[in-house]
Amino acid sequence: MKDQSKTKQGLIQELDSLEQRIADLERSESDRKQMEEVLRESIETTKALLNNPTDVIGLVDANGIILDINTSGAERFRKPVE
């Protein structure tokens, strides 16, 4: 086995390196969870804004085509059925 040829110092350095990698991964996971929470809050805020019954809010492209509109806007701009 090639690990038998490693010195004690080499194994200690490898262990230190692995411990550092674990710490880095744990920080990365923590950062990812924090970003997911920020994104979730942003989505909730956006939905709350879009679904405010008194305001018309929409997303329009460069050609003036409505890409998305909240319920209030859709009701306000809905053509009457004849």
PDB file of N, CA and C in Angstrom:
ATOM      1  N   MET A   1       0.835  -1.174   0.000  1.00  0.00           N
ATOM      2  CA  MET A   1       0.000   0.000   0.000  1.00  0.00           C
ATOM      3  C   MET A   1       0.879   1.237   0.000  1.00  0.00           C
ATOM      4  N   LYS A   2       0.583   2.195  -0.875  1.00  0.00           N
ATOM      5  CA  LYS A   2       1.464   3.346  -0.988  1.00  0.00           C
ATOM      6  C   LYS A   2       1.368   4.280   0.217  1.00  0.00           C
ATOM      7  N   ASP A   3       0.249   4.270   0.979  1.00  0.00           N
ATOM      8  CA  ASP A   3       0.126   5.116   2.158  1.00  0.00           C
ATOM      9  C   ASP A   3       1.148   4.741   3.228  1.00  0.00           C
ATOM     10  N   GLN A   4       1.614   3.493   3.240  1.00  0.00           N
ATOM     11  CA  GLN A   4       2.585   3.055   4.232  1.00  0.00           C
ATOM     12  C   GLN A   4       3.917   3.774   4.066  1.00  0.00           C
ATOM     13  N   SER A   5       4.187   4.250   2.874  1.00  0.00           N
ATOM     14  CA  SER A   5       5.448   4.923   2.621  1.00  0.00           C
ATOM     15  C   SER A   5       5.414   6.401   3.031  1.00  0.00           C
ATOM     16  N   LYS A   6       4.249   6.911   3.384  1.00  0.00           N
ATOM     17  CA  LYS A   6       4.150   8.305   3.792  1.00  0.00           C
ATOM     18  C   LYS A   6       4.703   8.477   5.200  1.00  0.00           C
ATOM     19  N   THR A   7       5.321   9.608   5.394  1.00  0.00           N
ATOM     20  CA  THR A   7       5.866   9.882   6.718  1.00  0.00           C
ATOM     21  C   THR A   7       4.760  10.399   7.624  1.00  0.00           C
ATOM     22  N   LYS A   8       5.022  10.381   8.884  1.00  0.00           N
ATOM     23  CA  LYS A   8       4.062  10.908   9.851  1.00  0.00           C
ATOM     24  C   LYS A   8       3.769  12.373   9.545  1.00  0.00           C
ATOM     25  N   GLN A   9       4.812  13.131   9.232  1.00  0.00           N
ATOM     26  CA  GLN A   9       4.636  14.550   8.899  1.00  0.00           C
ATOM     27  C   GLN A   9       3.780  14.703   7.645  1.00  0.00           C
ATOM     28  N   GLY A  10       3.997  13.868   6.668  1.00  0.00           N
ATOM     29  CA  GLY A  10       3.203  13.915   5.439  1.00  0.00           C
ATOM     30  C   GLY A  10       1.738  13.609   5.712  1.00  0.00           C
ATOM     31  N   LEU A  11       1.474  12.643   6.584  1.00  0.00           N
ATOM     32  CA  LEU A  11       0.095  12.303   6.928  1.00  0.00           C
ATOM     33  C   LEU A  11      -0.569  13.445   7.709  1.00  0.00           C
ATOM     34  N   ILE A  12       0.194  14.081   8.588  1.00  0.00           N
ATOM     35  CA  ILE A  12      -0.334  15.217   9.343  1.00  0.00           C
ATOM     36  C   ILE A  12      -0.688  16.355   8.390  1.00  0.00           C
ATOM     37  N   GLN A  13       0.178  16.614   7.420  1.00  0.00           N
ATOM     38  CA  GLN A  13      -0.101  17.667   6.444  1.00  0.00           C
ATOM     39  C   GLN A  13      -1.337  17.325   5.604  1.00  0.00           C
ATOM     40  N   GLU A  14      -1.451  16.069   5.225  1.00  0.00           N
ATOM     41  CA  GLU A  14      -2.615  15.639   4.448  1.00  0.00           C
ATOM     42  C   GLU A  14      -3.890  15.790   5.267  1.00  0.00           C
ATOM     43  N   LEU A  15      -3.827  15.425   6.548  1.00  0.00           N
ATOM     44  CA  LEU A  15      -4.978  15.574   7.434  1.00  0.00           C
ATOM     45  C   LEU A  15      -5.355  17.046   7.581  1.00  0.00           C
ATOM     46  N   ASP A  16      -4.363  17.906   7.759  1.00  0.00           N
ATOM     47  CA  ASP A  16      -4.617  19.347   7.852  1.00  0.00           C
ATOM     48  C   ASP A  16      -5.294  19.861   6.579  1.00  0.00           C
ATOM     49  N   SER A  17      -4.805  19.384   5.450  1.00  0.00           N
ATOM     50  CA  SER A  17      -5.366  19.796   4.170  1.00  0.00           C
ATOM     51  C   SER A  17      -6.823  19.338   4.043  1.00  0.00           C
ATOM     52  N   LEU A  18      -7.096  18.110   4.452  1.00  0.00           N
ATOM     53  CA  LEU A  18      -8.463  17.584   4.393  1.00  0.00           C
ATOM     54  C   LEU A  18      -9.384  18.331   5.356  1.00  0.00           C
ATOM     55  N   GLU A  19      -8.876  18.660   6.529  1.00  0.00           N
ATOM     56  CA  GLU A  19      -9.683  19.427   7.483  1.00  0.00           C
ATOM     57  C   GLU A  19     -10.003  20.815   6.928  1.00  0.00           C
ATOM     58  N   GLN A  20      -9.043  21.431   6.263  1.00  0.00           N
ATOM     59  CA  GLN A  20      -9.264  22.742   5.653  1.00  0.00           C
ATOM     60  C   GLN A  20     -10.313  22.635   4.547  1.00  0.00           C
ATOM     61  N   ARG A  21     -10.224  21.581   3.759  1.00  0.00           N
ATOM     62  CA  ARG A  21     -11.192  21.374   2.671  1.00  0.00           C
ATOM     63  C   ARG A  21     -12.603  21.189   3.235  1.00  0.00           C
ATOM     64  N   ILE A  22     -12.726  20.449   4.329  1.00  0.00           N
ATOM     65  CA  ILE A  22     -14.025  20.251   4.975  1.00  0.00           C
ATOM     66  C   ILE A  22     -14.569  21.590   5.459  1.00  0.00           C
ATOM     67  N   ALA A  23     -13.727  22.390   6.089  1.00  0.00           N
ATOM     68  CA  ALA A  23     -14.144  23.713   6.569  1.00  0.00           C
ATOM     69  C   ALA A  23     -14.606  24.588   5.399  1.00  0.00           C
ATOM     70  N   ASP A  24     -13.872  24.540   4.282  1.00  0.00           N
ATOM     71  CA  ASP A  24     -14.247  25.311   3.097  1.00  0.00           C
ATOM     72  C   ASP A  24     -15.605  24.864   2.560  1.00  0.00           C
ATOM     73  N   LEU A  25     -15.829  23.562   2.520  1.00  0.00           N
ATOM     74  CA  LEU A  25     -17.101  23.030   2.032  1.00  0.00           C
ATOM     75  C   LEU A  25     -18.253  23.413   2.961  1.00  0.00           C
ATOM     76  N   GLU A  26     -18.001  23.385   4.259  1.00  0.00           N
ATOM     77  CA  GLU A  26     -19.042  23.772   5.209  1.00  0.00           C
ATOM     78  C   GLU A  26     -19.397  25.248   5.048  1.00  0.00           C
ATOM     79  N   ARG A  27     -18.384  26.110   4.834  1.00  0.00           N
ATOM     80  CA  ARG A  27     -18.644  27.529   4.602  1.00  0.00           C
ATOM     81  C   ARG A  27     -19.422  27.719   3.305  1.00  0.00           C
ATOM     82  N   SER A  28     -19.039  26.979   2.292  1.00  0.00           N
ATOM     83  CA  SER A  28     -19.706  27.070   0.999  1.00  0.00           C
ATOM     84  C   SER A  28     -21.180  26.666   1.126  1.00  0.00           C
ATOM     85  N   GLU A  29     -21.443  25.615   1.870  1.00  0.00           N
ATOM     86  CA  GLU A  29     -22.819  25.154   2.085  1.00  0.00           C
ATOM     87  C   GLU A  29     -23.609  26.205   2.857  1.00  0.00           C
ATOM     88  N   SER A  30     -22.988  26.805   3.851  1.00  0.00           N
ATOM     89  CA  SER A  30     -23.638  27.857   4.627  1.00  0.00           C
ATOM     90  C   SER A  30     -23.961  29.060   3.736  1.00  0.00           C
ATOM     91  N   ASP A  31     -23.024  29.445   2.895  1.00  0.00           N
ATOM     92  CA  ASP A  31     -23.230  30.556   1.964  1.00  0.00           C
ATOM     93  C   ASP A  31     -24.367  30.244   0.990  1.00  0.00           C
ATOM     94  N   ARG A  32     -24.402  29.017   0.498  1.00  0.00           N
ATOM     95  CA  ARG A  32     -25.449  28.598  -0.439  1.00  0.00           C
ATOM     96  C   ARG A  32     -26.819  28.679   0.229  1.00  0.00           C
ATOM     97  N   LYS A  33     -26.914  28.197   1.470  1.00  0.00           N
ATOM     98  CA  LYS A  33     -28.194  28.255   2.176  1.00  0.00           C
ATOM     99  C   LYS A  33     -28.621  29.696   2.421  1.00  0.00           C
ATOM    100  N   GLN A  34     -27.672  30.551   2.749  1.00  0.00           N
ATOM    101  CA  GLN A  34     -27.977  31.958   2.974  1.00  0.00           C
ATOM    102  C   GLN A  34     -28.480  32.607   1.685  1.00  0.00           C
ATOM    103  N   MET A  35     -27.836  32.304   0.559  1.00  0.00           N
ATOM    104  CA  MET A  35     -28.270  32.857  -0.727  1.00  0.00           C
ATOM    105  C   MET A  35     -29.654  32.329  -1.116  1.00  0.00           C
ATOM    106  N   GLU A  36     -29.940  31.070  -0.817  1.00  0.00           N
ATOM    107  CA  GLU A  36     -31.264  30.521  -1.093  1.00  0.00           C
ATOM    108  C   GLU A  36     -32.328  31.271  -0.299  1.00  0.00           C
ATOM    109  N   GLU A  37     -32.024  31.601   0.959  1.00  0.00           N
ATOM    110  CA  GLU A  37     -32.973  32.338   1.786  1.00  0.00           C
ATOM    111  C   GLU A  37     -33.197  33.743   1.237  1.00  0.00           C
ATOM    112  N   VAL A  38     -32.125  34.408   0.806  1.00  0.00           N
ATOM    113  CA  VAL A  38     -32.254  35.741   0.218  1.00  0.00           C
ATOM    114  C   VAL A  38     -33.112  35.667  -1.049  1.00  0.00           C
ATOM    115  N   LEU A  39     -32.870  34.665  -1.871  1.00  0.00           N
ATOM    116  CA  LEU A  39     -33.657  34.491  -3.095  1.00  0.00           C
ATOM    117  C   LEU A  39     -35.120  34.218  -2.769  1.00  0.00           C
ATOM    118  N   ARG A  40     -35.369  33.356  -1.791  1.00  0.00           N
ATOM    119  CA  ARG A  40     -36.741  33.034  -1.386  1.00  0.00           C
ATOM    120  C   ARG A  40     -37.465  34.307  -0.910  1.00  0.00           C
ATOM    121  N   GLU A  41     -36.787  35.125  -0.108  1.00  0.00           N
ATOM    122  CA  GLU A  41     -37.389  36.369   0.370  1.00  0.00           C
ATOM    123  C   GLU A  41     -37.660  37.325  -0.792  1.00  0.00           C
ATOM    124  N   SER A  42     -36.742  37.386  -1.737  1.00  0.00           N
ATOM    125  CA  SER A  42     -36.916  38.244  -2.901  1.00  0.00           C
ATOM    126  C   SER A  42     -38.122  37.799  -3.721  1.00  0.00           C
ATOM    127  N   ILE A  43     -38.277  36.523  -3.897  1.00  0.00           N
ATOM    128  CA  ILE A  43     -39.420  35.993  -4.647  1.00  0.00           C
ATOM    129  C   ILE A  43     -40.718  36.332  -3.925  1.00  0.00           C
ATOM    130  N   GLU A  44     -40.733  36.163  -2.603  1.00  0.00           N
ATOM    131  CA  GLU A  44     -41.939  36.479  -1.837  1.00  0.00           C
ATOM    132  C   GLU A  44     -42.278  37.963  -1.934  1.00  0.00           C
ATOM    133  N   THR A  45     -41.270  38.824  -1.854  1.00  0.00           N
ATOM    134  CA  THR A  45     -41.497  40.264  -1.978  1.00  0.00           C
ATOM    135  C   THR A  45     -42.045  40.608  -3.351  1.00  0.00           C
ATOM    136  N   THR A  46     -41.448  40.028  -4.383  1.00  0.00           N
ATOM    137  CA  THR A  46     -41.899  40.278  -5.754  1.00  0.00           C
ATOM    138  C   THR A  46     -43.336  39.823  -5.944  1.00  0.00           C
ATOM    139  N   LYS A  47     -43.666  38.640  -5.428  1.00  0.00           N
ATOM    140  CA  LYS A  47     -45.046  38.149  -5.547  1.00  0.00           C
ATOM    141  C   LYS A  47     -46.016  39.066  -4.819  1.00  0.00           C
ATOM    142  N   ALA A  48     -45.619  39.527  -3.635  1.00  0.00           N
ATOM    143  CA  ALA A  48     -46.488  40.429  -2.876  1.00  0.00           C
ATOM    144  C   ALA A  48     -46.725  41.714  -3.649  1.00  0.00           C
ATOM    145  N   LEU A  49     -45.684  42.258  -4.265  1.00  0.00           N
ATOM    146  CA  LEU A  49     -45.833  43.475  -5.060  1.00  0.00           C
ATOM    147  C   LEU A  49     -46.722  43.241  -6.275  1.00  0.00           C
ATOM    148  N   LEU A  50     -46.519  42.133  -6.948  1.00  0.00           N
ATOM    149  CA  LEU A  50     -47.286  41.849  -8.162  1.00  0.00           C
ATOM    150  C   LEU A  50     -48.743  41.548  -7.879  1.00  0.00           C
ATOM    151  N   ASN A  51     -49.033  41.084  -6.688  1.00  0.00           N
ATOM    152  CA  ASN A  51     -50.409  40.701  -6.385  1.00  0.00           C
ATOM    153  C   ASN A  51     -51.143  41.730  -5.545  1.00  0.00           C
ATOM    154  N   ASN A  52     -50.580  42.936  -5.413  1.00  0.00           N
ATOM    155  CA  ASN A  52     -51.260  44.014  -4.708  1.00  0.00           C
ATOM    156  C   ASN A  52     -52.502  44.375  -5.518  1.00  0.00           C
ATOM    157  N   PRO A  53     -53.673  44.275  -4.915  1.00  0.00           N
ATOM    158  CA  PRO A  53     -54.901  44.455  -5.698  1.00  0.00           C
ATOM    159  C   PRO A  53     -55.159  45.878  -6.191  1.00  0.00           C
ATOM    160  N   THR A  54     -54.447  46.879  -5.682  1.00  0.00           N
ATOM    161  CA  THR A  54     -54.739  48.253  -6.087  1.00  0.00           C
ATOM    162  C   THR A  54     -53.802  48.787  -7.161  1.00  0.00           C
ATOM    163  N   ASP A  55     -52.694  48.152  -7.379  1.00  0.00           N
ATOM    164  CA  ASP A  55     -51.709  48.642  -8.341  1.00  0.00           C
ATOM    165  C   ASP A  55     -51.624  47.742  -9.560  1.00  0.00           C
ATOM    166  N   VAL A  56     -51.362  48.380 -10.697  1.00  0.00           N
ATOM    167  CA  VAL A  56     -51.102  47.623 -11.919  1.00  0.00           C
ATOM    168  C   VAL A  56     -49.596  47.567 -12.086  1.00  0.00           C
ATOM    169  N   ILE A  57     -49.068  46.354 -12.122  1.00  0.00           N
ATOM    170  CA  ILE A  57     -47.628  46.157 -12.290  1.00  0.00           C
ATOM    171  C   ILE A  57     -47.432  45.114 -13.375  1.00  0.00           C
ATOM    172  N   GLY A  58     -46.570  45.424 -14.318  1.00  0.00           N
ATOM    173  CA  GLY A  58     -46.331  44.473 -15.387  1.00  0.00           C
ATOM    174  C   GLY A  58     -44.890  44.504 -15.852  1.00  0.00           C
ATOM    175  N   LEU A  59     -44.562  43.562 -16.674  1.00  0.00           N
ATOM    176  CA  LEU A  59     -43.239  43.458 -17.272  1.00  0.00           C
ATOM    177  C   LEU A  59     -43.427  43.565 -18.779  1.00  0.00           C
ATOM    178  N   VAL A  60     -42.761  44.567 -19.382  1.00  0.00           N
ATOM    179  CA  VAL A  60     -42.928  44.839 -20.809  1.00  0.00           C
ATOM    180  C   VAL A  60     -41.566  44.731 -21.483  1.00  0.00           C
ATOM    181  N   ASP A  61     -41.524  44.117 -22.676  1.00  0.00           N
ATOM    182  CA  ASP A  61     -40.249  44.015 -23.380  1.00  0.00           C
ATOM    183  C   ASP A  61     -39.970  45.296 -24.177  1.00  0.00           C
ATOM    184  N   ALA A  62     -38.847  45.331 -24.879  1.00  0.00           N
ATOM    185  CA  ALA A  62     -38.421  46.523 -25.611  1.00  0.00           C
ATOM    186  C   ALA A  62     -39.402  46.907 -26.726  1.00  0.00           C
ATOM    187  N   ASN A  63     -40.211  45.967 -27.185  1.00  0.00           N
ATOM    188  CA  ASN A  63     -41.186  46.244 -28.240  1.00  0.00           C
ATOM    189  C   ASN A  63     -42.555  46.627 -27.694  1.00  0.00           C
ATOM    190  N   GLY A  64     -42.662  46.752 -26.368  1.00  0.00           N
ATOM    191  CA  GLY A  64     -43.932  47.118 -25.759  1.00  0.00           C
ATOM    192  C   GLY A  64     -44.884  45.960 -25.558  1.00  0.00           C
ATOM    193  N   ILE A  65     -44.404  44.764 -25.731  1.00  0.00           N
ATOM    194  CA  ILE A  65     -45.241  43.585 -25.541  1.00  0.00           C
ATOM    195  C   ILE A  65     -45.253  43.231 -24.056  1.00  0.00           C
ATOM    196  N   ILE A  66     -46.457  43.057 -23.508  1.00  0.00           N
ATOM    197  CA  ILE A  66     -46.588  42.716 -22.089  1.00  0.00           C
ATOM    198  C   ILE A  66     -46.170  41.257 -21.908  1.00  0.00           C
ATOM    199  N   LEU A  67     -45.159  41.056 -21.089  1.00  0.00           N
ATOM    200  CA  LEU A  67     -44.666  39.714 -20.815  1.00  0.00           C
ATOM    201  C   LEU A  67     -45.346  39.106 -19.593  1.00  0.00           C
ATOM    202  N   ASP A  68     -45.656  39.950 -18.615  1.00  0.00           N
ATOM    203  CA  ASP A  68     -46.312  39.489 -17.392  1.00  0.00           C
ATOM    204  C   ASP A  68     -47.038  40.668 -16.774  1.00  0.00           C
ATOM    205  N   ILE A  69     -48.148  40.398 -16.111  1.00  0.00           N
ATOM    206  CA  ILE A  69     -48.910  41.466 -15.460  1.00  0.00           C
ATOM    207  C   ILE A  69     -49.616  40.863 -14.253  1.00  0.00           C
ATOM    208  N   ASN A  70     -49.769  41.666 -13.214  1.00  0.00           N
ATOM    209  CA  ASN A  70     -50.429  41.150 -12.019  1.00  0.00           C
ATOM    210  C   ASN A  70     -51.934  41.046 -12.237  1.00  0.00           C
ATOM    211  N   THR A  71     -52.602  40.450 -11.274  1.00  0.00           N
ATOM    212  CA  THR A  71     -54.038  40.196 -11.392  1.00  0.00           C
ATOM    213  C   THR A  71     -54.827  41.482 -11.576  1.00  0.00           C
ATOM    214  N   SER A  72     -54.464  42.514 -10.810  1.00  0.00           N
ATOM    215  CA  SER A  72     -55.164  43.795 -10.927  1.00  0.00           C
ATOM    216  C   SER A  72     -55.027  44.366 -12.335  1.00  0.00           C
ATOM    217  N   GLY A  73     -53.850  44.298 -12.887  1.00  0.00           N
ATOM    218  CA  GLY A  73     -53.616  44.794 -14.239  1.00  0.00           C
ATOM    219  C   GLY A  73     -54.366  43.984 -15.268  1.00  0.00           C
ATOM    220  N   ALA A  74     -54.369  42.680 -15.101  1.00  0.00           N
ATOM    221  CA  ALA A  74     -55.069  41.816 -16.050  1.00  0.00           C
ATOM    222  C   ALA A  74     -56.561  42.114 -16.036  1.00  0.00           C
ATOM    223  N   GLU A  75     -57.112  42.343 -14.844  1.00  0.00           N
ATOM    224  CA  GLU A  75     -58.533  42.655 -14.742  1.00  0.00           C
ATOM    225  C   GLU A  75     -58.835  44.028 -15.336  1.00  0.00           C
ATOM    226  N   ARG A  76     -57.955  44.974 -15.125  1.00  0.00           N
ATOM    227  CA  ARG A  76     -58.171  46.335 -15.606  1.00  0.00           C
ATOM    228  C   ARG A  76     -58.122  46.404 -17.132  1.00  0.00           C
ATOM    229  N   PHE A  77     -57.235  45.613 -17.738  1.00  0.00           N
ATOM    230  CA  PHE A  77     -57.046  45.677 -19.185  1.00  0.00           C
ATOM    231  C   PHE A  77     -57.799  44.590 -19.946  1.00  0.00           C
ATOM    232  N   ARG A  78     -58.517  43.761 -19.245  1.00  0.00           N
ATOM    233  CA  ARG A  78     -59.278  42.688 -19.898  1.00  0.00           C
ATOM    234  C   ARG A  78     -60.385  43.301 -20.748  1.00  0.00           C
ATOM    235  N   LYS A  79     -60.487  42.801 -21.967  1.00  0.00           N
ATOM    236  CA  LYS A  79     -61.531  43.302 -22.870  1.00  0.00           C
ATOM    237  C   LYS A  79     -62.870  42.710 -22.430  1.00  0.00           C
ATOM    238  N   PRO A  80     -63.925  43.518 -22.465  1.00  0.00           N
ATOM    239  CA  PRO A  80     -65.239  42.988 -22.106  1.00  0.00           C
ATOM    240  C   PRO A  80     -65.696  41.944 -23.124  1.00  0.00           C
ATOM    241  N   VAL A  81     -66.333  40.920 -22.623  1.00  0.00           N
ATOM    242  CA  VAL A  81     -66.846  39.851 -23.506  1.00  0.00           C
ATOM    243  C   VAL A  81     -68.132  40.362 -24.149  1.00  0.00           C
ATOM    244  N   GLU A  82     -68.191  40.234 -25.464  1.00  0.00           N
ATOM    245  CA  GLU A  82     -69.388  40.709 -26.196  1.00  0.00           C
ATOM    246  C   GLU A  82     -70.312  39.578 -26.498  1.00  0.00           C
TER     247      GLU A  82
END
